[in-house]
Amino acid sequence: MRPTLLDVLFADATTLPGIGPKLDKILGEFIGNKIIDLLFHLPSNLIDRQYRPSLAEVEDGRIATFEVEVMKHEAPRRRNLPYRILCGNETGYLSLVFFHARGDWLGKTMPEGVKRMVSGRVERFREQLQIVHPDHMLPQTEFDKLPVVEPVYPLTAGLSAKVLMKAIQATLPQVPELPEWQEEKWLKNQGWSDWQSATQAAHRPEGVAALEPTHPARARLAYDELLAHQLVLALVRRDRRKQQGRAYKSSDELQQRLRALLPFPLTGSQESAITDIAEDMEAPTRMLRLLQGDVGSGKTVVAVMAMLQAVASGAQAALMAPTEILARQHAETIGPWLDDLGIGWQLMTARSKGKLRKENLGALAAGNVQIAIGTHALFQDDVAFADLGLAVVDEQHRFGVQQRMALSTKGNGVDVLVMTATPIPRTLTLTAYGDMDVSRMPDKPPGRQPVDTRVISMDRYAEVAQGLSNALQDGARVYWVCPLVSESELIDLAAAEDRANALRTIYGDKVGLVHGQMKAVEKDTVMARFVSGEISILVATTV
């Protein structure tokens, strides 16, 4: 139960000025749409409006503030020309320039003959001072209410700087004074204020130093966040150890039969991970284990061994992948093993529709399918298992906790194994995944090619693009991934399309593109062309 003192922090962002349903949705996808989410969205830069020179002495390119008189409005004669407002004072003249302007609004905001405080970046155009789209044009009394140093926040598509700053600043008066949970002497030694004061200070920086993570206000907030996170993990871990699970007997026969099918011996890391997982599954408490290993370390085989242990005890298992492509790759790898072992399995993705989907759901609910491989389609409401005992989640960082837990609630006392290829330092593992037991797989199976990893500046892009020809001449294929660079899928797609088009100017139709907004059939076609060698370079988002 949340203390009532905190209720104000969990109010909807729509209670703030300027945040309607459309912006509320954008905020929800970007940082969250509660007051607390905005408070934890800290400034990344600032604008200092203390520079107030005369118009005769202002430095070109700096943000400056002036008190000027509005002298003349010059509406554009043609649509492609800007709207200009000529202003001045005893030290000189200044033009305010607006593109695609609303003349009626400018006329009301800046009537001729009145004085206004104007602030923005000054530049010279044909030896004349101008500010293009000023940040502020206000009467003196209203301008005085603005902070001299303005915070600048990270943005996303569809969210403007002014709207976000106005909303966040509106949250600050609502920040409650919380009971202190640190010792007063210790706080004093750190030079930290209380949480309320630290929050206010973080959003009202007085200089560049206030943006540093070591600044007392930010350090206090970071410490509280980490401490709260660790306390929650400790509570979750304690409660998990109390939860009744199911004890799955060893599956030596099935596992030995699988080993006989493999064309390679298992590594020491694989054997160690298999032992860790088997001991967890044999215990009467629920398993929640993180399996960490680089691509090619053999995590899939370890996961299959765990699923066989569940199947040997009469339960079902599910393997959930973040994308349909990855789910199908798992099916192509695992399916033949399961067929040889006589174990019923089924691939379930968003593509499974109509009669096929109905048949798949019926087989799963009846227990005729012992292992399900799929995407997020596995945890949809209409998916029912006869007796789900183990949930394996691949690339776990691509799923939220709620999605992961939704799959684990499909059965009774479900064990959960999550896998990641992301290299995570031990300290960070304990910090971020403190509710999980961890198995690491540093070894690679014999015969794997060495990985050559290099970090190259984007300034050398042309050199890299041209250098691909050497690899192509040797018969290699190139996988060019454009990773997530923003919260907007459209922006990420545009980046991938731009990269593919740039590479096509060099390599022509040997370049293909695959992304998450393509239809499944289209993605399959491109991937098949890549596998066959018809396409030598495949540009992709993180699909």
Protein backbone atom coordinates (compact mmCIF):
# COMPACT_ATOMS: atom_id res chain seq x y z
CA MET A 1 0.00 0.00 0.00
CA ARG A 2 1.46 3.35 -1.07
CA PRO A 3 1.55 6.06 1.63
CA THR A 4 -0.98 8.81 0.89
CA LEU A 5 1.85 11.34 1.13
CA LEU A 6 3.13 10.01 -2.20
CA ASP A 7 -0.19 10.13 -4.04
CA VAL A 8 0.58 13.55 -5.52
CA LEU A 9 3.71 12.13 -7.16
CA PHE A 10 1.70 9.46 -8.95
CA ALA A 11 -0.94 11.82 -10.36
CA ASP A 12 -1.40 11.78 -14.14
CA ALA A 13 0.64 14.16 -16.28
CA THR A 14 -2.62 15.42 -17.81
CA THR A 15 -3.12 17.41 -14.62
CA LEU A 16 -0.22 19.64 -15.73
CA PRO A 17 -0.57 22.68 -18.02
CA GLY A 18 -0.18 21.95 -21.71
CA ILE A 19 -0.41 18.14 -21.43
CA GLY A 20 -3.41 16.74 -23.27
CA PRO A 21 -4.18 13.17 -24.42
CA LYS A 22 -1.81 13.34 -27.40
CA LEU A 23 1.20 14.56 -25.43
CA ASP A 24 0.29 12.24 -22.56
CA LYS A 25 0.72 9.28 -24.90
CA ILE A 26 4.09 10.60 -26.13
CA LEU A 27 5.26 11.12 -22.55
CA GLY A 28 4.14 7.63 -21.59
CA GLU A 29 6.26 6.09 -24.34
CA PHE A 30 9.20 8.42 -23.64
CA ILE A 31 9.66 8.75 -19.87
CA GLY A 32 6.32 7.86 -18.28
CA ASN A 33 3.16 9.87 -17.72
CA LYS A 34 3.11 10.33 -13.95
CA ILE A 35 4.36 13.36 -11.99
CA ILE A 36 7.19 11.27 -10.54
CA ASP A 37 8.36 10.37 -14.07
CA LEU A 38 8.75 14.02 -14.98
CA LEU A 39 10.57 14.79 -11.73
CA PHE A 40 13.14 12.10 -12.51
CA HIS A 41 13.65 13.46 -16.04
CA LEU A 42 16.56 15.78 -15.25
CA PRO A 43 18.00 18.60 -17.40
CA SER A 44 20.85 17.72 -19.76
CA ASN A 45 21.83 21.31 -20.53
CA LEU A 46 20.95 24.88 -19.65
CA ILE A 47 20.45 28.28 -21.21
CA ASP A 48 22.00 31.22 -19.36
CA ARG A 49 20.10 34.45 -19.97
CA GLN A 50 22.32 36.58 -17.75
CA TYR A 51 24.14 37.99 -20.80
CA ARG A 52 22.47 41.38 -21.38
CA PRO A 53 24.77 43.54 -23.51
CA SER A 54 23.88 46.60 -25.57
CA LEU A 55 22.84 46.01 -29.17
CA ALA A 56 26.01 47.77 -30.25
CA GLU A 57 28.29 45.42 -28.31
CA VAL A 58 26.53 42.03 -28.46
CA GLU A 59 28.70 39.07 -29.54
CA ASP A 60 27.56 37.17 -32.59
CA GLY A 61 26.21 33.66 -31.90
CA ARG A 62 25.48 34.13 -28.20
CA ILE A 63 22.14 33.89 -26.42
CA ALA A 64 21.38 37.41 -25.27
CA THR A 65 18.52 39.33 -23.67
CA PHE A 66 17.45 42.89 -24.52
CA GLU A 67 14.72 45.36 -23.66
CA VAL A 68 13.55 46.81 -26.96
CA GLU A 69 10.72 48.83 -28.42
CA VAL A 70 8.64 47.29 -31.20
CA MET A 71 9.04 49.67 -34.12
CA LYS A 72 7.61 48.08 -37.27
CA HIS A 73 6.05 44.86 -38.58
CA GLU A 74 7.10 43.73 -42.08
CA ALA A 75 4.78 41.03 -43.40
CA PRO A 76 6.26 38.90 -46.22
CA ARG A 77 5.37 39.75 -49.79
CA ARG A 78 5.71 36.13 -50.83
CA ARG A 79 4.95 32.92 -48.93
CA ASN A 80 8.56 31.74 -48.99
CA LEU A 81 9.81 34.89 -47.27
CA PRO A 82 9.99 35.38 -43.48
CA TYR A 83 7.94 37.71 -41.32
CA ARG A 84 10.11 40.42 -39.69
CA ILE A 85 9.62 42.68 -36.70
CA LEU A 86 12.00 45.64 -36.43
CA CYS A 87 12.88 46.54 -32.84
CA GLY A 88 15.38 48.84 -31.25
CA ASN A 89 16.58 50.89 -28.30
CA GLU A 90 19.10 53.65 -27.71
CA THR A 91 22.00 51.28 -28.52
CA GLY A 92 20.90 49.98 -31.92
CA TYR A 93 18.41 47.96 -33.95
CA LEU A 94 17.38 44.29 -34.00
CA SER A 95 15.20 42.25 -36.37
CA LEU A 96 13.07 39.38 -35.12
CA VAL A 97 12.62 36.81 -37.89
CA PHE A 98 9.79 34.25 -38.15
CA PHE A 99 9.21 31.56 -40.79
CA HIS A 100 5.66 30.30 -41.43
CA ALA A 101 4.46 32.89 -38.94
CA ARG A 102 0.93 33.79 -37.88
CA GLY A 103 0.83 37.54 -38.44
CA ASP A 104 -2.30 38.09 -36.34
CA TRP A 105 -0.72 36.39 -33.31
CA LEU A 106 2.52 38.35 -33.69
CA GLY A 107 0.52 41.56 -33.99
CA LYS A 108 -1.19 40.88 -30.65
CA THR A 109 1.97 39.67 -28.93
CA MET A 110 4.23 42.44 -30.23
CA PRO A 111 2.13 45.54 -30.93
CA GLU A 112 4.05 48.49 -32.35
CA GLY A 113 5.14 51.12 -29.85
CA VAL A 114 5.36 48.84 -26.77
CA LYS A 115 8.46 47.63 -24.97
CA ARG A 116 9.25 43.95 -24.70
CA MET A 117 11.97 41.76 -23.23
CA VAL A 118 13.39 39.66 -26.06
CA SER A 119 15.76 36.73 -25.63
CA GLY A 120 17.36 34.33 -28.10
CA ARG A 121 20.47 33.55 -30.12
CA VAL A 122 21.81 36.63 -31.92
CA GLU A 123 23.30 36.41 -35.41
CA ARG A 124 24.21 38.79 -38.19
CA PHE A 125 22.57 38.68 -41.61
CA ARG A 126 23.86 41.18 -44.17
CA GLU A 127 25.48 43.11 -41.32
CA GLN A 128 22.13 43.43 -39.53
CA LEU A 129 21.47 41.95 -36.06
CA GLN A 130 18.66 39.42 -35.93
CA ILE A 131 17.14 36.68 -33.79
CA VAL A 132 15.36 33.90 -35.65
CA HIS A 133 12.35 32.66 -33.67
CA PRO A 134 13.17 34.25 -30.29
CA ASP A 135 12.86 32.06 -27.20
CA HIS A 136 10.92 34.73 -25.32
CA MET A 137 9.04 37.95 -26.17
CA LEU A 138 7.41 39.15 -22.96
CA PRO A 139 6.55 42.24 -20.95
CA GLN A 140 9.12 43.01 -18.26
CA THR A 141 6.83 41.84 -15.44
CA GLU A 142 6.28 38.41 -17.04
CA PHE A 143 9.91 38.01 -18.06
CA ASP A 144 11.02 38.60 -14.49
CA LYS A 145 9.11 35.47 -13.48
CA LEU A 146 11.30 33.31 -15.70
CA PRO A 147 14.47 31.72 -14.31
CA VAL A 148 17.62 33.51 -15.35
CA VAL A 149 19.15 30.10 -16.03
CA GLU A 150 16.72 27.84 -17.92
CA PRO A 151 17.01 24.05 -17.80
CA VAL A 152 17.07 22.18 -21.12
CA TYR A 153 15.59 18.68 -21.13
CA PRO A 154 16.10 15.68 -23.44
CA LEU A 155 13.27 15.53 -25.99
CA THR A 156 11.60 13.09 -28.33
CA ALA A 157 9.61 13.46 -31.53
CA GLY A 158 6.38 15.41 -31.01
CA LEU A 159 7.43 17.00 -27.71
CA SER A 160 8.62 20.61 -27.68
CA ALA A 161 11.14 22.09 -25.27
CA LYS A 162 8.81 24.81 -24.00
CA VAL A 163 5.90 22.47 -23.31
CA LEU A 164 8.09 19.96 -21.46
CA MET A 165 9.85 22.63 -19.39
CA LYS A 166 6.53 24.26 -18.47
CA ALA A 167 5.07 20.92 -17.39
CA ILE A 168 8.10 19.92 -15.31
CA GLN A 169 8.36 23.30 -13.64
CA ALA A 170 4.67 23.00 -12.74
CA THR A 171 5.43 19.78 -10.85
CA LEU A 172 8.00 21.39 -8.53
CA PRO A 173 5.52 23.13 -6.19
CA GLN A 174 3.84 19.73 -5.70
CA VAL A 175 6.97 17.97 -4.45
CA PRO A 176 6.15 16.88 -0.89
CA GLU A 177 8.45 17.05 2.10
CA LEU A 178 9.20 13.42 2.84
CA PRO A 179 10.32 11.93 6.14
CA GLU A 180 14.10 11.62 6.10
CA TRP A 181 15.36 8.05 5.89
CA GLN A 182 19.07 8.86 6.19
CA GLU A 183 21.01 9.78 9.30
CA GLU A 184 21.38 13.54 9.71
CA LYS A 185 25.11 13.30 10.48
CA TRP A 186 25.75 11.17 7.41
CA LEU A 187 23.82 13.58 5.17
CA LYS A 188 25.82 16.48 6.54
CA ASN A 189 29.09 14.69 5.82
CA GLN A 190 27.97 14.15 2.22
CA GLY A 191 26.93 17.79 1.87
CA TRP A 192 23.44 16.74 0.80
CA SER A 193 20.11 18.42 1.44
CA ASP A 194 16.76 16.68 1.97
CA TRP A 195 15.00 14.97 -0.97
CA GLN A 196 12.54 17.80 -1.57
CA SER A 197 15.29 20.44 -1.74
CA ALA A 198 17.49 18.23 -3.92
CA THR A 199 14.65 17.72 -6.41
CA GLN A 200 13.99 21.44 -6.61
CA ALA A 201 17.69 22.22 -7.07
CA ALA A 202 18.17 19.60 -9.79
CA HIS A 203 15.46 21.24 -11.92
CA ARG A 204 16.67 24.79 -11.20
CA PRO A 205 20.37 24.62 -12.07
CA GLU A 206 22.36 27.76 -11.34
CA GLY A 207 25.26 26.83 -13.60
CA VAL A 208 26.89 24.09 -15.66
CA ALA A 209 28.30 22.45 -12.51
CA ALA A 210 24.73 21.65 -11.42
CA LEU A 211 24.42 19.27 -14.40
CA GLU A 212 27.27 17.05 -13.24
CA PRO A 213 26.32 13.71 -11.62
CA THR A 214 28.59 14.60 -8.69
CA HIS A 215 26.61 17.76 -7.87
CA PRO A 216 25.10 17.37 -4.37
CA ALA A 217 21.49 17.57 -5.59
CA ARG A 218 21.93 14.94 -8.31
CA ALA A 219 24.07 12.72 -6.10
CA ARG A 220 21.35 12.73 -3.44
CA LEU A 221 18.64 11.78 -5.93
CA ALA A 222 20.79 9.08 -7.52
CA TYR A 223 21.62 7.58 -4.12
CA ASP A 224 17.97 7.51 -3.07
CA GLU A 225 16.94 5.90 -6.36
CA LEU A 226 19.61 3.20 -6.12
CA LEU A 227 18.89 2.53 -2.46
CA ALA A 228 15.16 2.24 -3.12
CA HIS A 229 15.86 -0.09 -6.03
CA GLN A 230 18.06 -2.34 -3.94
CA LEU A 231 15.52 -2.45 -1.11
CA VAL A 232 12.80 -3.46 -3.56
CA LEU A 233 15.04 -6.16 -5.02
CA ALA A 234 15.77 -7.45 -1.52
CA LEU A 235 12.03 -7.64 -0.77
CA VAL A 236 11.32 -9.34 -4.10
CA ARG A 237 14.12 -11.84 -3.54
CA ARG A 238 12.86 -12.57 -0.02
CA ASP A 239 9.30 -13.07 -1.20
CA ARG A 240 10.42 -15.22 -4.14
CA ARG A 241 12.28 -17.58 -1.84
CA LYS A 242 9.05 -18.01 0.10
CA GLN A 243 6.96 -18.77 -2.99
CA GLN A 244 6.07 -22.39 -3.43
CA GLY A 245 7.44 -23.85 -6.62
CA ARG A 246 7.57 -27.31 -8.11
CA ALA A 247 10.34 -29.86 -7.88
CA TYR A 248 11.23 -31.31 -11.28
CA LYS A 249 13.05 -34.60 -11.28
CA SER A 250 16.28 -35.00 -13.21
CA SER A 251 15.91 -35.71 -16.93
CA ASP A 252 19.06 -37.75 -17.43
CA GLU A 253 17.58 -39.99 -20.13
CA LEU A 254 16.28 -37.16 -22.34
CA GLN A 255 19.37 -35.04 -21.77
CA GLN A 256 21.69 -37.93 -22.67
CA ARG A 257 19.71 -38.58 -25.84
CA LEU A 258 20.06 -34.89 -26.77
CA ARG A 259 23.80 -35.00 -26.10
CA ALA A 260 24.05 -37.94 -28.50
CA LEU A 261 22.38 -35.83 -31.21
CA LEU A 262 24.80 -32.93 -30.83
CA PRO A 263 27.79 -32.86 -33.21
CA PHE A 264 29.94 -31.22 -30.53
CA PRO A 265 30.76 -31.73 -26.84
CA LEU A 266 29.41 -29.22 -24.34
CA THR A 267 31.80 -26.70 -22.80
CA GLY A 268 32.61 -26.46 -19.13
CA SER A 269 30.49 -23.31 -18.89
CA GLN A 270 27.52 -25.08 -20.43
CA GLU A 271 27.86 -28.03 -18.07
CA SER A 272 28.13 -25.71 -15.08
CA ALA A 273 25.03 -23.74 -16.15
CA ILE A 274 23.07 -26.95 -16.74
CA THR A 275 23.97 -28.09 -13.21
CA ASP A 276 22.94 -24.72 -11.69
CA ILE A 277 19.57 -24.82 -13.45
CA ALA A 278 18.94 -28.49 -12.65
CA GLU A 279 19.53 -27.87 -8.94
CA ASP A 280 17.15 -24.89 -9.04
CA MET A 281 14.45 -26.92 -10.77
CA GLU A 282 14.83 -29.85 -8.37
CA ALA A 283 14.23 -27.51 -5.42
CA PRO A 284 10.65 -26.90 -4.19
CA THR A 285 10.99 -23.09 -4.63
CA ARG A 286 10.59 -21.12 -7.84
CA MET A 287 13.60 -20.59 -10.06
CA LEU A 288 14.47 -17.13 -11.40
CA ARG A 289 17.89 -17.37 -13.05
CA LEU A 290 19.78 -15.17 -15.50
CA LEU A 291 21.90 -17.04 -18.06
CA GLN A 292 24.54 -14.68 -19.43
CA GLY A 293 26.77 -15.59 -22.36
CA ASP A 294 28.05 -14.07 -25.57
CA VAL A 295 26.52 -14.91 -28.95
CA GLY A 296 27.72 -18.39 -29.86
CA SER A 297 28.42 -19.50 -26.29
CA GLY A 298 25.68 -22.15 -26.48
CA LYS A 299 22.89 -20.72 -24.34
CA THR A 300 20.21 -22.32 -26.53
CA VAL A 301 21.41 -25.85 -25.79
CA VAL A 302 21.43 -25.08 -22.06
CA ALA A 303 17.87 -23.77 -22.33
CA VAL A 304 16.74 -26.93 -24.16
CA MET A 305 18.30 -29.07 -21.41
CA ALA A 306 16.23 -27.14 -18.86
CA MET A 307 13.06 -27.53 -20.92
CA LEU A 308 13.67 -31.27 -21.15
CA GLN A 309 13.80 -31.45 -17.36
CA ALA A 310 10.35 -29.84 -17.18
CA VAL A 311 8.99 -32.12 -19.91
CA ALA A 312 10.39 -35.22 -18.21
CA SER A 313 8.29 -34.33 -15.15
CA GLY A 314 5.13 -34.05 -17.22
CA ALA A 315 5.08 -30.25 -17.49
CA GLN A 316 5.27 -27.94 -20.51
CA ALA A 317 7.93 -25.37 -21.37
CA ALA A 318 7.88 -22.14 -23.40
CA LEU A 319 10.68 -20.23 -25.10
CA MET A 320 9.86 -16.59 -25.79
CA ALA A 321 11.94 -14.49 -28.22
CA PRO A 322 11.59 -10.73 -28.80
CA THR A 323 11.14 -10.92 -32.59
CA GLU A 324 9.56 -13.32 -35.05
CA ILE A 325 12.85 -13.71 -36.89
CA LEU A 326 14.62 -14.84 -33.73
CA ALA A 327 11.73 -17.13 -32.79
CA ARG A 328 11.92 -18.82 -36.18
CA GLN A 329 15.69 -19.21 -35.86
CA HIS A 330 15.16 -20.96 -32.54
CA ALA A 331 12.52 -23.20 -34.12
CA GLU A 332 14.86 -24.14 -36.98
CA THR A 333 17.62 -25.02 -34.48
CA ILE A 334 15.59 -26.70 -31.75
CA GLY A 335 12.81 -28.27 -33.82
CA PRO A 336 14.87 -31.11 -35.36
CA TRP A 337 16.26 -32.07 -31.92
CA LEU A 338 12.76 -32.22 -30.44
CA ASP A 339 11.47 -34.23 -33.41
CA ASP A 340 14.23 -36.79 -32.92
CA LEU A 341 13.40 -36.96 -29.20
CA GLY A 342 9.70 -37.48 -29.94
CA ILE A 343 8.66 -34.29 -28.15
CA GLY A 344 5.73 -32.29 -29.49
CA TRP A 345 6.51 -28.63 -30.15
CA GLN A 346 4.86 -25.66 -31.80
CA LEU A 347 5.94 -22.27 -33.18
CA MET A 348 3.52 -19.51 -32.16
CA THR A 349 3.88 -15.96 -33.48
CA ALA A 350 1.59 -13.12 -34.54
CA ARG A 351 1.52 -14.73 -37.99
CA SER A 352 -0.41 -17.70 -36.61
CA LYS A 353 -4.01 -16.76 -37.41
CA GLY A 354 -7.40 -18.21 -38.14
CA LYS A 355 -7.79 -21.98 -38.24
CA LEU A 356 -4.07 -22.62 -37.69
CA ARG A 357 -4.01 -20.46 -34.56
CA LYS A 358 -7.14 -22.15 -33.22
CA GLU A 359 -5.59 -25.58 -33.73
CA ASN A 360 -2.33 -24.50 -32.09
CA LEU A 361 -4.14 -23.07 -29.07
CA GLY A 362 -6.19 -26.25 -28.70
CA ALA A 363 -3.10 -28.48 -28.84
CA LEU A 364 -1.32 -26.32 -26.29
CA ALA A 365 -4.27 -26.29 -23.89
CA ALA A 366 -4.73 -30.07 -24.24
CA GLY A 367 -1.07 -30.74 -23.48
CA ASN A 368 -0.35 -32.24 -26.89
CA VAL A 369 2.33 -29.58 -27.37
CA GLN A 370 5.04 -29.97 -24.77
CA ILE A 371 7.29 -27.09 -25.84
CA ALA A 372 6.06 -23.80 -27.32
CA ILE A 373 8.43 -21.45 -29.16
CA GLY A 374 7.21 -17.96 -29.97
CA THR A 375 7.12 -14.22 -29.49
CA HIS A 376 4.98 -12.00 -27.28
CA ALA A 377 2.04 -13.92 -28.76
CA LEU A 378 2.71 -16.53 -26.06
CA PHE A 379 1.46 -14.34 -23.23
CA GLN A 380 -1.71 -13.09 -24.88
CA ASP A 381 -4.91 -13.67 -22.91
CA ASP A 382 -6.29 -16.44 -25.10
CA VAL A 383 -3.13 -18.56 -24.83
CA ALA A 384 -3.61 -21.30 -22.23
CA PHE A 385 -1.21 -24.07 -21.28
CA ALA A 386 -2.24 -27.43 -19.88
CA ASP A 387 0.59 -27.30 -17.35
CA LEU A 388 3.31 -24.71 -17.96
CA GLY A 389 6.31 -25.44 -15.75
CA LEU A 390 9.21 -23.48 -17.27
CA ALA A 391 9.36 -20.16 -19.11
CA VAL A 392 12.57 -19.30 -20.97
CA VAL A 393 12.90 -15.67 -22.04
CA ASP A 394 15.57 -14.91 -24.67
CA GLU A 395 17.14 -11.47 -24.98
CA GLN A 396 15.40 -10.58 -21.73
CA HIS A 397 16.32 -6.88 -21.91
CA ARG A 398 13.93 -6.56 -24.88
CA PHE A 399 10.98 -7.48 -22.64
CA GLY A 400 9.55 -5.54 -19.73
CA VAL A 401 9.19 -7.13 -16.32
CA GLN A 402 5.41 -7.21 -16.77
CA GLN A 403 5.72 -9.15 -20.04
CA ARG A 404 8.11 -11.61 -18.45
CA MET A 405 5.86 -12.10 -15.45
CA ALA A 406 2.76 -12.39 -17.67
CA LEU A 407 4.23 -15.54 -19.19
CA SER A 408 5.17 -16.94 -15.78
CA THR A 409 1.55 -16.59 -14.60
CA LYS A 410 0.37 -18.96 -17.35
CA GLY A 411 1.06 -21.90 -15.02
CA ASN A 412 1.36 -22.92 -11.40
CA GLY A 413 4.70 -22.14 -9.72
CA VAL A 414 6.42 -21.53 -13.07
CA ASP A 415 10.23 -21.51 -13.07
CA VAL A 416 11.77 -18.68 -15.12
CA LEU A 417 15.08 -18.72 -17.00
CA VAL A 418 16.08 -15.50 -18.75
CA MET A 419 18.95 -15.31 -21.23
CA THR A 420 21.05 -12.40 -22.44
CA ALA A 421 24.06 -11.96 -24.70
CA THR A 422 24.70 -8.48 -23.31
CA PRO A 423 28.00 -8.42 -21.39
CA ILE A 424 27.11 -7.14 -17.93
CA PRO A 425 29.82 -6.43 -15.32
CA ARG A 426 29.35 -8.37 -12.09
CA THR A 427 28.67 -5.24 -10.01
CA LEU A 428 26.01 -4.04 -12.44
CA THR A 429 24.48 -7.51 -12.55
CA LEU A 430 24.02 -7.45 -8.79
CA THR A 431 22.60 -3.93 -9.01
CA ALA A 432 20.15 -4.41 -11.87
CA TYR A 433 19.33 -8.09 -11.48
CA GLY A 434 19.68 -8.58 -7.75
CA ASP A 435 16.44 -10.56 -7.66
CA MET A 436 17.96 -13.26 -9.88
CA ASP A 437 20.53 -15.99 -9.51
CA VAL A 438 23.15 -15.72 -12.24
CA SER A 439 25.02 -18.27 -14.37
CA ARG A 440 27.78 -17.01 -16.66
CA MET A 441 29.11 -18.74 -19.76
CA PRO A 442 32.48 -17.23 -20.72
CA ASP A 443 33.59 -20.26 -22.81
CA LYS A 444 32.88 -20.80 -26.49
CA PRO A 445 32.31 -24.21 -28.12
CA PRO A 446 35.34 -25.45 -30.09
CA GLY A 447 35.56 -24.48 -33.74
CA ARG A 448 34.02 -21.05 -33.31
CA GLN A 449 35.71 -18.35 -35.37
CA PRO A 450 37.41 -15.61 -33.37
CA VAL A 451 35.53 -12.34 -33.11
CA ASP A 452 37.34 -9.20 -34.26
CA THR A 453 35.73 -6.19 -32.58
CA ARG A 454 36.68 -2.65 -33.51
CA VAL A 455 35.26 0.75 -32.61
CA ILE A 456 35.44 3.22 -35.47
CA SER A 457 34.36 6.85 -35.52
CA MET A 458 31.46 7.84 -37.78
CA ASP A 459 33.88 10.30 -39.35
CA ARG A 460 35.36 7.25 -41.11
CA TYR A 461 32.02 6.02 -42.45
CA ALA A 462 33.06 6.42 -46.10
CA GLU A 463 36.21 4.41 -45.43
CA VAL A 464 34.20 1.63 -43.77
CA ALA A 465 31.59 1.56 -46.54
CA GLN A 466 34.24 1.26 -49.23
CA GLY A 467 36.13 -1.32 -47.19
CA LEU A 468 33.19 -3.75 -47.29
CA SER A 469 34.21 -4.67 -50.84
CA ASN A 470 37.21 -6.62 -49.49
CA ALA A 471 34.92 -8.83 -47.39
CA LEU A 472 32.46 -9.27 -50.25
CA GLN A 473 35.23 -10.35 -52.62
CA ASP A 474 36.12 -13.12 -50.15
CA GLY A 475 32.54 -14.39 -50.30
CA ALA A 476 31.49 -12.96 -46.95
CA ARG A 477 28.16 -11.34 -46.22
CA VAL A 478 27.66 -8.16 -44.24
CA TYR A 479 25.04 -7.51 -41.59
CA TRP A 480 24.79 -3.76 -40.93
CA VAL A 481 22.63 -3.09 -37.84
CA CYS A 482 21.25 0.36 -37.12
CA PRO A 483 20.60 0.13 -33.36
CA LEU A 484 17.95 1.96 -31.39
CA VAL A 485 19.04 5.60 -31.30
CA SER A 486 15.82 7.27 -30.17
CA GLU A 487 12.43 6.46 -28.73
CA SER A 488 10.82 6.98 -32.13
CA GLU A 489 10.52 3.90 -34.35
CA LEU A 490 9.97 6.19 -37.35
CA ILE A 491 13.28 7.96 -36.73
CA ASP A 492 15.10 4.63 -36.37
CA LEU A 493 13.51 3.38 -39.59
CA ALA A 494 14.54 6.56 -41.40
CA ALA A 495 18.12 6.07 -40.20
CA ALA A 496 18.18 2.49 -41.51
CA GLU A 497 16.64 3.53 -44.86
CA ASP A 498 19.20 6.32 -45.23
CA ARG A 499 22.04 3.90 -44.53
CA ALA A 500 20.69 1.34 -47.00
CA ASN A 501 20.29 4.01 -49.70
CA ALA A 502 23.83 5.27 -49.09
CA LEU A 503 25.26 1.75 -49.42
CA ARG A 504 23.22 1.13 -52.59
CA THR A 505 25.04 4.02 -54.28
CA ILE A 506 28.16 1.85 -53.95
CA TYR A 507 26.89 -1.75 -54.10
CA GLY A 508 23.60 -1.42 -55.95
CA ASP A 509 21.01 -4.20 -55.62
CA LYS A 510 23.35 -6.26 -53.45
CA VAL A 511 22.01 -4.23 -50.49
CA GLY A 512 18.80 -5.27 -48.71
CA LEU A 513 16.79 -3.73 -45.86
CA VAL A 514 14.73 -5.34 -43.12
CA HIS A 515 12.89 -3.57 -40.28
CA GLY A 516 10.13 -4.12 -37.77
CA GLN A 517 7.43 -2.30 -39.75
CA MET A 518 7.66 -4.70 -42.68
CA LYS A 519 5.11 -7.47 -43.06
CA ALA A 520 6.29 -10.90 -41.96
CA VAL A 521 6.24 -12.24 -45.54
CA GLU A 522 8.35 -9.31 -46.75
CA LYS A 523 10.91 -9.88 -43.98
CA ASP A 524 11.09 -13.58 -44.82
CA THR A 525 11.70 -12.79 -48.48
CA VAL A 526 14.56 -10.41 -47.73
CA MET A 527 16.12 -12.82 -45.21
CA ALA A 528 15.89 -15.69 -47.73
CA ARG A 529 17.66 -13.59 -50.37
CA PHE A 530 20.36 -12.79 -47.81
CA VAL A 531 20.81 -16.44 -46.86
CA SER A 532 21.00 -17.51 -50.52
CA GLY A 533 23.60 -14.84 -51.30
CA GLU A 534 21.42 -12.87 -53.70
CA ILE A 535 21.82 -10.01 -51.22
CA SER A 536 25.33 -9.54 -49.83
CA ILE A 537 24.68 -6.64 -47.45
CA LEU A 538 21.67 -6.59 -45.15
CA VAL A 539 20.84 -3.34 -43.35
CA ALA A 540 18.47 -3.81 -40.41
CA THR A 541 16.99 -2.17 -37.38
CA THR A 542 16.95 -4.22 -34.20
CA VAL A 543 14.14 -6.49 -35.47
